């Protein structure tokens, strides 16, 4: 069963066609990789899925529901969370506060409850705190909870973004170059973390330039060039696809 289906998505910026009639599926419980050269339209496609951009044509179907054009916060509420190619943390807030921000979409206390703090609102705040601490421990940052986000090493900031996304209780996690800036050991640990997230029942769609990670991790790959899909298949097939080799990999054996 598909948790996400894109049907003929297109997006233009003036005369530039950034995404050109893209259709793809993410299977429930799968890890799907989106690869391609710089400028291929990968992040634009993510922005169309998450509501940051509105498509000119096509539709986004999540868990059987058409979410095309919904506002980003509404899409998060439905169960789609993401990280960003360029890290977007609240740098002047603590690590714990950053993850608590991810819990916000699941809080139900209204204005009056926030003003008068009835027992129900206090219980909700306590559950959010427990969830944030749990997600920090899950990504290995539990000892950093009081640190400012800006003081974390780059790889740890990547993990903090993942923890914040997981705090929103997603069914689909969208990762935009999660290994960017990580060293070999951090990348190895990230691979194991993403597999564990999938084992929790969360489907994953990711952009990644680290071909070693992509080939080991993904069930299926979708390759973009100039905004259009040029190949889809399992990693072994993509690795040998002549068009992909010419457009992106540059060798018959990138590993």
C-alpha atoms as a PDB file:
ATOM      1  CA  UNK A   1       0.000   0.000   0.000  1.00  0.00           C
ATOM      2  CA  UNK A   2       1.302   3.491  -0.871  1.00  0.00           C
ATOM      3  CA  UNK A   3       1.465   6.060   1.918  1.00  0.00           C
ATOM      4  CA  UNK A   4       2.424   8.790  -0.560  1.00  0.00           C
ATOM      5  CA  UNK A   5       1.599   9.117  -4.239  1.00  0.00           C
ATOM      6  CA  UNK A   6       2.545  11.978  -6.530  1.00  0.00           C
ATOM      7  CA  UNK A   7       0.565  12.265  -9.741  1.00  0.00           C
ATOM      8  CA  UNK A   8       1.981  14.446 -12.516  1.00  0.00           C
ATOM      9  CA  UNK A   9       3.453  17.174 -10.303  1.00  0.00           C
ATOM     10  CA  UNK A  10       4.854  20.205 -12.124  1.00  0.00           C
ATOM     11  CA  UNK A  11       6.217  23.507 -10.872  1.00  0.00           C
ATOM     12  CA  UNK A  12       7.476  26.459 -12.882  1.00  0.00           C
ATOM     13  CA  UNK A  13       9.288  29.600 -11.776  1.00  0.00           C
ATOM     14  CA  UNK A  14       8.845  31.993 -14.679  1.00  0.00           C
ATOM     15  CA  UNK A  15      10.328  30.224 -17.677  1.00  0.00           C
ATOM     16  CA  UNK A  16      12.162  27.624 -15.567  1.00  0.00           C
ATOM     17  CA  UNK A  17      10.503  24.230 -15.215  1.00  0.00           C
ATOM     18  CA  UNK A  18      11.797  23.061 -11.830  1.00  0.00           C
ATOM     19  CA  UNK A  19       9.589  19.950 -11.568  1.00  0.00           C
ATOM     20  CA  UNK A  20       8.273  18.402 -14.762  1.00  0.00           C
ATOM     21  CA  UNK A  21       5.337  15.954 -14.596  1.00  0.00           C
ATOM     22  CA  UNK A  22       6.739  13.864 -11.728  1.00  0.00           C
ATOM     23  CA  UNK A  23       4.871  10.788 -10.542  1.00  0.00           C
ATOM     24  CA  UNK A  24       6.180   8.491  -7.822  1.00  0.00           C
ATOM     25  CA  UNK A  25       5.042   6.331  -4.932  1.00  0.00           C
ATOM     26  CA  UNK A  26       6.341   5.725  -1.422  1.00  0.00           C
ATOM     27  CA  UNK A  27       5.259   2.376  -0.069  1.00  0.00           C
ATOM     28  CA  UNK A  28       4.095   2.024   3.519  1.00  0.00           C
ATOM     29  CA  UNK A  29       7.159   1.145   5.591  1.00  0.00           C
ATOM     30  CA  UNK A  30       9.580   1.747   2.699  1.00  0.00           C
ATOM     31  CA  UNK A  31      12.722   3.818   2.324  1.00  0.00           C
ATOM     32  CA  UNK A  32      12.723   5.604  -1.026  1.00  0.00           C
ATOM     33  CA  UNK A  33      15.705   7.624  -2.224  1.00  0.00           C
ATOM     34  CA  UNK A  34      15.429  10.623  -4.522  1.00  0.00           C
ATOM     35  CA  UNK A  35      18.729  11.293  -6.287  1.00  0.00           C
ATOM     36  CA  UNK A  36      20.026  13.389  -9.140  1.00  0.00           C
ATOM     37  CA  UNK A  37      22.526  16.146  -9.938  1.00  0.00           C
ATOM     38  CA  UNK A  38      22.397  19.552  -8.291  1.00  0.00           C
ATOM     39  CA  UNK A  39      19.535  21.603  -9.716  1.00  0.00           C
ATOM     40  CA  UNK A  40      17.517  18.531 -10.701  1.00  0.00           C
ATOM     41  CA  UNK A  41      14.469  19.715  -8.726  1.00  0.00           C
ATOM     42  CA  UNK A  42      14.711  17.400  -5.725  1.00  0.00           C
ATOM     43  CA  UNK A  43      14.223  19.969  -2.956  1.00  0.00           C
ATOM     44  CA  UNK A  44      11.539  21.736  -4.987  1.00  0.00           C
ATOM     45  CA  UNK A  45       9.681  18.426  -5.130  1.00  0.00           C
ATOM     46  CA  UNK A  46       9.954  18.110  -1.349  1.00  0.00           C
ATOM     47  CA  UNK A  47       8.578  21.643  -0.981  1.00  0.00           C
ATOM     48  CA  UNK A  48       5.590  20.681  -3.127  1.00  0.00           C
ATOM     49  CA  UNK A  49       4.887  17.654  -0.922  1.00  0.00           C
ATOM     50  CA  UNK A  50       5.119  19.614   2.333  1.00  0.00           C
ATOM     51  CA  UNK A  51       3.082  22.610   1.229  1.00  0.00           C
ATOM     52  CA  UNK A  52       5.912  25.151   1.000  1.00  0.00           C
ATOM     53  CA  UNK A  53       5.117  25.466  -2.716  1.00  0.00           C
ATOM     54  CA  UNK A  54       1.852  24.922  -4.548  1.00  0.00           C
ATOM     55  CA  UNK A  55       2.117  22.849  -7.749  1.00  0.00           C
ATOM     56  CA  UNK A  56       1.080  24.273 -11.094  1.00  0.00           C
ATOM     57  CA  UNK A  57      -0.227  20.854 -12.105  1.00  0.00           C
ATOM     58  CA  UNK A  58      -0.680  17.487 -10.444  1.00  0.00           C
ATOM     59  CA  UNK A  59      -1.658  16.256  -7.016  1.00  0.00           C
ATOM     60  CA  UNK A  60      -0.155  14.951  -3.788  1.00  0.00           C
ATOM     61  CA  UNK A  61      -1.990  12.051  -2.170  1.00  0.00           C
ATOM     62  CA  UNK A  62      -1.018  11.151   1.400  1.00  0.00           C
ATOM     63  CA  UNK A  63      -2.598   8.126   3.042  1.00  0.00           C
ATOM     64  CA  UNK A  64      -5.452   8.267   0.538  1.00  0.00           C
ATOM     65  CA  UNK A  65      -6.145  11.981   1.097  1.00  0.00           C
ATOM     66  CA  UNK A  66      -5.478  14.742  -1.419  1.00  0.00           C
ATOM     67  CA  UNK A  67      -3.229  17.207   0.414  1.00  0.00           C
ATOM     68  CA  UNK A  68      -2.320  19.326  -2.618  1.00  0.00           C
ATOM     69  CA  UNK A  69      -2.031  22.972  -1.645  1.00  0.00           C
ATOM     70  CA  UNK A  70      -2.663  22.503   2.077  1.00  0.00           C
ATOM     71  CA  UNK A  71      -0.691  24.749   4.402  1.00  0.00           C
ATOM     72  CA  UNK A  72       2.530  23.239   5.820  1.00  0.00           C
ATOM     73  CA  UNK A  73       1.284  23.092   9.419  1.00  0.00           C
ATOM     74  CA  UNK A  74      -1.800  21.188   8.324  1.00  0.00           C
ATOM     75  CA  UNK A  75       0.331  18.672   6.425  1.00  0.00           C
ATOM     76  CA  UNK A  76       2.456  18.152   9.552  1.00  0.00           C
ATOM     77  CA  UNK A  77      -0.703  17.543  11.570  1.00  0.00           C
ATOM     78  CA  UNK A  78      -1.725  14.843   9.080  1.00  0.00           C
ATOM     79  CA  UNK A  79       1.566  12.999   9.655  1.00  0.00           C
ATOM     80  CA  UNK A  80       4.245  14.333   7.286  1.00  0.00           C
ATOM     81  CA  UNK A  81       7.443  15.692   8.865  1.00  0.00           C
ATOM     82  CA  UNK A  82      10.691  16.840   7.277  1.00  0.00           C
ATOM     83  CA  UNK A  83      14.226  18.049   7.775  1.00  0.00           C
ATOM     84  CA  UNK A  84      15.955  20.592   5.549  1.00  0.00           C
ATOM     85  CA  UNK A  85      18.987  20.697   3.277  1.00  0.00           C
ATOM     86  CA  UNK A  86      20.125  23.850   5.099  1.00  0.00           C
ATOM     87  CA  UNK A  87      19.639  23.228   8.797  1.00  0.00           C
ATOM     88  CA  UNK A  88      16.693  25.176  10.226  1.00  0.00           C
ATOM     89  CA  UNK A  89      16.877  25.122  13.993  1.00  0.00           C
ATOM     90  CA  UNK A  90      16.018  27.723  16.589  1.00  0.00           C
ATOM     91  CA  UNK A  91      19.669  28.459  17.224  1.00  0.00           C
ATOM     92  CA  UNK A  92      19.135  30.644  20.302  1.00  0.00           C
ATOM     93  CA  UNK A  93      16.869  28.074  21.964  1.00  0.00           C
ATOM     94  CA  UNK A  94      17.927  24.984  23.888  1.00  0.00           C
ATOM     95  CA  UNK A  95      18.097  21.538  22.351  1.00  0.00           C
ATOM     96  CA  UNK A  96      15.083  20.489  24.430  1.00  0.00           C
ATOM     97  CA  UNK A  97      13.070  23.555  23.401  1.00  0.00           C
ATOM     98  CA  UNK A  98      13.745  22.782  19.741  1.00  0.00           C
ATOM     99  CA  UNK A  99      12.265  19.299  20.106  1.00  0.00           C
ATOM    100  CA  UNK A 100       9.323  20.620  22.129  1.00  0.00           C
ATOM    101  CA  UNK A 101       8.543  22.817  19.125  1.00  0.00           C
ATOM    102  CA  UNK A 102       8.056  19.616  17.141  1.00  0.00           C
ATOM    103  CA  UNK A 103       5.470  18.445  19.684  1.00  0.00           C
ATOM    104  CA  UNK A 104       3.413  21.606  19.207  1.00  0.00           C
ATOM    105  CA  UNK A 105       1.169  20.241  16.444  1.00  0.00           C
ATOM    106  CA  UNK A 106      -0.083  17.504  18.806  1.00  0.00           C
ATOM    107  CA  UNK A 107      -1.019  19.890  21.637  1.00  0.00           C
ATOM    108  CA  UNK A 108      -4.713  20.658  22.010  1.00  0.00           C
ATOM    109  CA  UNK A 109      -4.787  23.267  24.772  1.00  0.00           C
ATOM    110  CA  UNK A 110      -6.454  26.480  23.618  1.00  0.00           C
ATOM    111  CA  UNK A 111      -5.867  30.100  24.593  1.00  0.00           C
ATOM    112  CA  UNK A 112      -7.808  29.931  27.860  1.00  0.00           C
ATOM    113  CA  UNK A 113      -6.026  26.759  28.972  1.00  0.00           C
ATOM    114  CA  UNK A 114      -2.672  28.341  28.198  1.00  0.00           C
ATOM    115  CA  UNK A 115      -3.609  31.350  30.324  1.00  0.00           C
ATOM    116  CA  UNK A 116      -5.058  29.549  33.363  1.00  0.00           C
ATOM    117  CA  UNK A 117      -3.096  26.231  33.284  1.00  0.00           C
ATOM    118  CA  UNK A 118      -5.834  23.768  34.289  1.00  0.00           C
ATOM    119  CA  UNK A 119      -4.758  20.184  35.181  1.00  0.00           C
ATOM    120  CA  UNK A 120      -5.493  18.954  31.635  1.00  0.00           C
ATOM    121  CA  UNK A 121      -3.106  21.511  30.171  1.00  0.00           C
ATOM    122  CA  UNK A 122      -0.409  20.633  32.713  1.00  0.00           C
ATOM    123  CA  UNK A 123      -0.764  16.941  31.848  1.00  0.00           C
ATOM    124  CA  UNK A 124      -0.415  17.776  28.171  1.00  0.00           C
ATOM    125  CA  UNK A 125       2.730  19.785  28.814  1.00  0.00           C
ATOM    126  CA  UNK A 126       4.187  16.937  30.864  1.00  0.00           C
ATOM    127  CA  UNK A 127       3.500  14.434  28.067  1.00  0.00           C
ATOM    128  CA  UNK A 128       5.158  16.756  25.553  1.00  0.00           C
ATOM    129  CA  UNK A 129       8.225  17.067  27.774  1.00  0.00           C
ATOM    130  CA  UNK A 130       8.440  13.304  28.170  1.00  0.00           C
ATOM    131  CA  UNK A 131       8.123  12.871  24.403  1.00  0.00           C
ATOM    132  CA  UNK A 132      10.850  15.422  23.692  1.00  0.00           C
ATOM    133  CA  UNK A 133      13.262  13.753  26.123  1.00  0.00           C
ATOM    134  CA  UNK A 134      12.467  10.375  24.568  1.00  0.00           C
ATOM    135  CA  UNK A 135      13.267  11.607  21.050  1.00  0.00           C
ATOM    136  CA  UNK A 136      16.514  13.195  22.197  1.00  0.00           C
ATOM    137  CA  UNK A 137      17.568   9.890  23.738  1.00  0.00           C
ATOM    138  CA  UNK A 138      16.554   8.088  20.541  1.00  0.00           C
ATOM    139  CA  UNK A 139      19.001  10.129  18.439  1.00  0.00           C
ATOM    140  CA  UNK A 140      21.702  10.138  21.137  1.00  0.00           C
ATOM    141  CA  UNK A 141      21.439  13.757  22.301  1.00  0.00           C
ATOM    142  CA  UNK A 142      19.921  13.246  25.747  1.00  0.00           C
ATOM    143  CA  UNK A 143      22.960  14.752  27.506  1.00  0.00           C
ATOM    144  CA  UNK A 144      22.731  17.912  25.373  1.00  0.00           C
ATOM    145  CA  UNK A 145      19.174  18.910  26.320  1.00  0.00           C
ATOM    146  CA  UNK A 146      20.164  22.167  28.066  1.00  0.00           C
ATOM    147  CA  UNK A 147      22.724  23.227  25.463  1.00  0.00           C
ATOM    148  CA  UNK A 148      21.892  25.887  22.900  1.00  0.00           C
ATOM    149  CA  UNK A 149      21.271  24.459  19.430  1.00  0.00           C
ATOM    150  CA  UNK A 150      23.914  26.787  17.978  1.00  0.00           C
ATOM    151  CA  UNK A 151      26.571  25.171  20.175  1.00  0.00           C
ATOM    152  CA  UNK A 152      26.070  21.659  18.814  1.00  0.00           C
ATOM    153  CA  UNK A 153      28.473  20.184  16.301  1.00  0.00           C
ATOM    154  CA  UNK A 154      27.134  20.151  12.749  1.00  0.00           C
ATOM    155  CA  UNK A 155      26.353  16.425  12.733  1.00  0.00           C
ATOM    156  CA  UNK A 156      24.513  16.743  16.039  1.00  0.00           C
ATOM    157  CA  UNK A 157      22.430  19.602  14.640  1.00  0.00           C
ATOM    158  CA  UNK A 158      21.356  17.211  11.872  1.00  0.00           C
ATOM    159  CA  UNK A 159      20.281  14.712  14.513  1.00  0.00           C
ATOM    160  CA  UNK A 160      18.423  17.417  16.422  1.00  0.00           C
ATOM    161  CA  UNK A 161      16.390  18.202  13.306  1.00  0.00           C
ATOM    162  CA  UNK A 162      15.464  14.533  13.046  1.00  0.00           C
ATOM    163  CA  UNK A 163      14.463  14.431  16.727  1.00  0.00           C
ATOM    164  CA  UNK A 164      12.274  17.511  16.259  1.00  0.00           C
ATOM    165  CA  UNK A 165      10.605  15.940  13.211  1.00  0.00           C
ATOM    166  CA  UNK A 166       9.971  12.679  15.086  1.00  0.00           C
ATOM    167  CA  UNK A 167       8.383  14.600  17.971  1.00  0.00           C
ATOM    168  CA  UNK A 168       5.488  15.486  15.652  1.00  0.00           C
ATOM    169  CA  UNK A 169       4.553  11.763  15.439  1.00  0.00           C
ATOM    170  CA  UNK A 170       4.942  11.414  11.651  1.00  0.00           C
ATOM    171  CA  UNK A 171       3.887   8.515   9.493  1.00  0.00           C
ATOM    172  CA  UNK A 172       6.132   9.795   6.692  1.00  0.00           C
ATOM    173  CA  UNK A 173       9.544  11.334   7.376  1.00  0.00           C
ATOM    174  CA  UNK A 174      11.124  13.383   4.578  1.00  0.00           C
ATOM    175  CA  UNK A 175      14.891  13.837   4.920  1.00  0.00           C
ATOM    176  CA  UNK A 176      16.741  16.372   2.774  1.00  0.00           C
ATOM    177  CA  UNK A 177      20.443  15.407   2.656  1.00  0.00           C
ATOM    178  CA  UNK A 178      20.589  14.121   6.258  1.00  0.00           C
ATOM    179  CA  UNK A 179      24.225  13.003   5.907  1.00  0.00           C
ATOM    180  CA  UNK A 180      25.403  16.383   4.627  1.00  0.00           C
ATOM    181  CA  UNK A 181      28.462  17.533   6.591  1.00  0.00           C
ATOM    182  CA  UNK A 182      28.793  14.290   8.560  1.00  0.00           C
ATOM    183  CA  UNK A 183      32.011  12.301   8.869  1.00  0.00           C
ATOM    184  CA  UNK A 184      32.215   8.581   8.089  1.00  0.00           C
ATOM    185  CA  UNK A 185      31.363   7.426  11.625  1.00  0.00           C
ATOM    186  CA  UNK A 186      28.435   9.833  11.893  1.00  0.00           C
ATOM    187  CA  UNK A 187      27.147   8.663   8.516  1.00  0.00           C
ATOM    188  CA  UNK A 188      27.409   5.031   9.610  1.00  0.00           C
ATOM    189  CA  UNK A 189      25.416   5.825  12.759  1.00  0.00           C
ATOM    190  CA  UNK A 190      22.859   7.755  10.713  1.00  0.00           C
ATOM    191  CA  UNK A 191      22.282   4.766   8.447  1.00  0.00           C
ATOM    192  CA  UNK A 192      21.491   2.610  11.480  1.00  0.00           C
ATOM    193  CA  UNK A 193      19.228   5.329  12.909  1.00  0.00           C
ATOM    194  CA  UNK A 194      17.188   5.635   9.700  1.00  0.00           C
ATOM    195  CA  UNK A 195      16.721   1.865   9.580  1.00  0.00           C
ATOM    196  CA  UNK A 196      15.504   1.934  13.176  1.00  0.00           C
ATOM    197  CA  UNK A 197      13.040   4.711  12.333  1.00  0.00           C
ATOM    198  CA  UNK A 198      11.710   2.581   9.468  1.00  0.00           C
ATOM    199  CA  UNK A 199      11.405  -0.394  11.817  1.00  0.00           C
ATOM    200  CA  UNK A 200       9.140   1.751  14.012  1.00  0.00           C
ATOM    201  CA  UNK A 201       6.686   1.861  11.091  1.00  0.00           C
ATOM    202  CA  UNK A 202       7.615   5.280   9.728  1.00  0.00           C
ATOM    203  CA  UNK A 203       7.991   5.496   5.953  1.00  0.00           C
ATOM    204  CA  UNK A 204      10.957   7.499   4.667  1.00  0.00           C
ATOM    205  CA  UNK A 205      11.628   9.580   1.560  1.00  0.00           C
ATOM    206  CA  UNK A 206      15.099  11.060   1.345  1.00  0.00           C
ATOM    207  CA  UNK A 207      17.406  13.107  -0.825  1.00  0.00           C
ATOM    208  CA  UNK A 208      21.023  12.124  -0.393  1.00  0.00           C
ATOM    209  CA  UNK A 209      24.252  12.581  -2.348  1.00  0.00           C
ATOM    210  CA  UNK A 210      26.179   9.950  -0.392  1.00  0.00           C
ATOM    211  CA  UNK A 211      25.855   7.077  -2.847  1.00  0.00           C
ATOM    212  CA  UNK A 212      27.304   4.544  -0.456  1.00  0.00           C
ATOM    213  CA  UNK A 213      24.552   5.319   2.063  1.00  0.00           C
ATOM    214  CA  UNK A 214      21.838   5.402  -0.607  1.00  0.00           C
ATOM    215  CA  UNK A 215      22.793   2.062  -2.130  1.00  0.00           C
ATOM    216  CA  UNK A 216      22.875   0.346   1.274  1.00  0.00           C
ATOM    217  CA  UNK A 217      19.763   1.962   2.721  1.00  0.00           C
ATOM    218  CA  UNK A 218      17.066   2.442   0.103  1.00  0.00           C
ATOM    219  CA  UNK A 219      14.529  -0.102  -1.100  1.00  0.00           C
ATOM    220  CA  UNK A 220      14.022   1.854  -4.305  1.00  0.00           C
ATOM    221  CA  UNK A 221      15.499   4.896  -6.016  1.00  0.00           C
ATOM    222  CA  UNK A 222      13.939   7.618  -8.148  1.00  0.00           C
ATOM    223  CA  UNK A 223      16.334   9.647 -10.310  1.00  0.00           C
ATOM    224  CA  UNK A 224      15.591  13.224 -11.396  1.00  0.00           C
ATOM    225  CA  UNK A 225      17.269  15.244 -14.135  1.00  0.00           C
ATOM    226  CA  UNK A 226      16.095  18.726 -15.147  1.00  0.00           C
ATOM    227  CA  UNK A 227      12.998  18.233 -13.002  1.00  0.00           C
ATOM    228  CA  UNK A 228      11.852  15.005 -14.685  1.00  0.00           C
ATOM    229  CA  UNK A 229      12.090  11.360 -13.624  1.00  0.00           C
ATOM    230  CA  UNK A 230      14.617   9.537 -15.806  1.00  0.00           C
ATOM    231  CA  UNK A 231      14.753   6.225 -13.922  1.00  0.00           C
ATOM    232  CA  UNK A 232      13.101   4.282 -11.123  1.00  0.00           C
ATOM    233  CA  UNK A 233      14.227   0.968  -9.673  1.00  0.00           C
ATOM    234  CA  UNK A 234      16.087  -0.915  -6.980  1.00  0.00           C
ATOM    235  CA  UNK A 235      19.624   0.328  -6.234  1.00  0.00           C
ATOM    236  CA  UNK A 236      21.286  -2.434  -8.249  1.00  0.00           C
ATOM    237  CA  UNK A 237      19.298  -1.496 -11.345  1.00  0.00           C
ATOM    238  CA  UNK A 238      19.908   2.222 -10.952  1.00  0.00           C
ATOM    239  CA  UNK A 239      23.627   1.657 -10.488  1.00  0.00           C
ATOM    240  CA  UNK A 240      23.810   0.048 -13.938  1.00  0.00           C
ATOM    241  CA  UNK A 241      21.338   2.294 -15.782  1.00  0.00           C
ATOM    242  CA  UNK A 242      23.228   3.962 -18.683  1.00  0.00           C
ATOM    243  CA  UNK A 243      21.145   7.125 -18.585  1.00  0.00           C
ATOM    244  CA  UNK A 244      21.698   7.542 -14.849  1.00  0.00           C
ATOM    245  CA  UNK A 245      25.419   6.913 -15.249  1.00  0.00           C
ATOM    246  CA  UNK A 246      25.618   9.625 -17.882  1.00  0.00           C
ATOM    247  CA  UNK A 247      23.482  12.131 -15.996  1.00  0.00           C
ATOM    248  CA  UNK A 248      24.657  11.637 -12.455  1.00  0.00           C
ATOM    249  CA  UNK A 249      26.863   8.785 -11.348  1.00  0.00           C
ATOM    250  CA  UNK A 250      29.624   9.262 -13.904  1.00  0.00           C
ATOM    251  CA  UNK A 251      30.865   5.691 -13.520  1.00  0.00           C
ATOM    252  CA  UNK A 252      29.383   2.234 -13.761  1.00  0.00           C
ATOM    253  CA  UNK A 253      30.486   1.581 -10.177  1.00  0.00           C
ATOM    254  CA  UNK A 254      30.181   4.647  -7.908  1.00  0.00           C
ATOM    255  CA  UNK A 255      31.170   2.533  -4.925  1.00  0.00           C
END
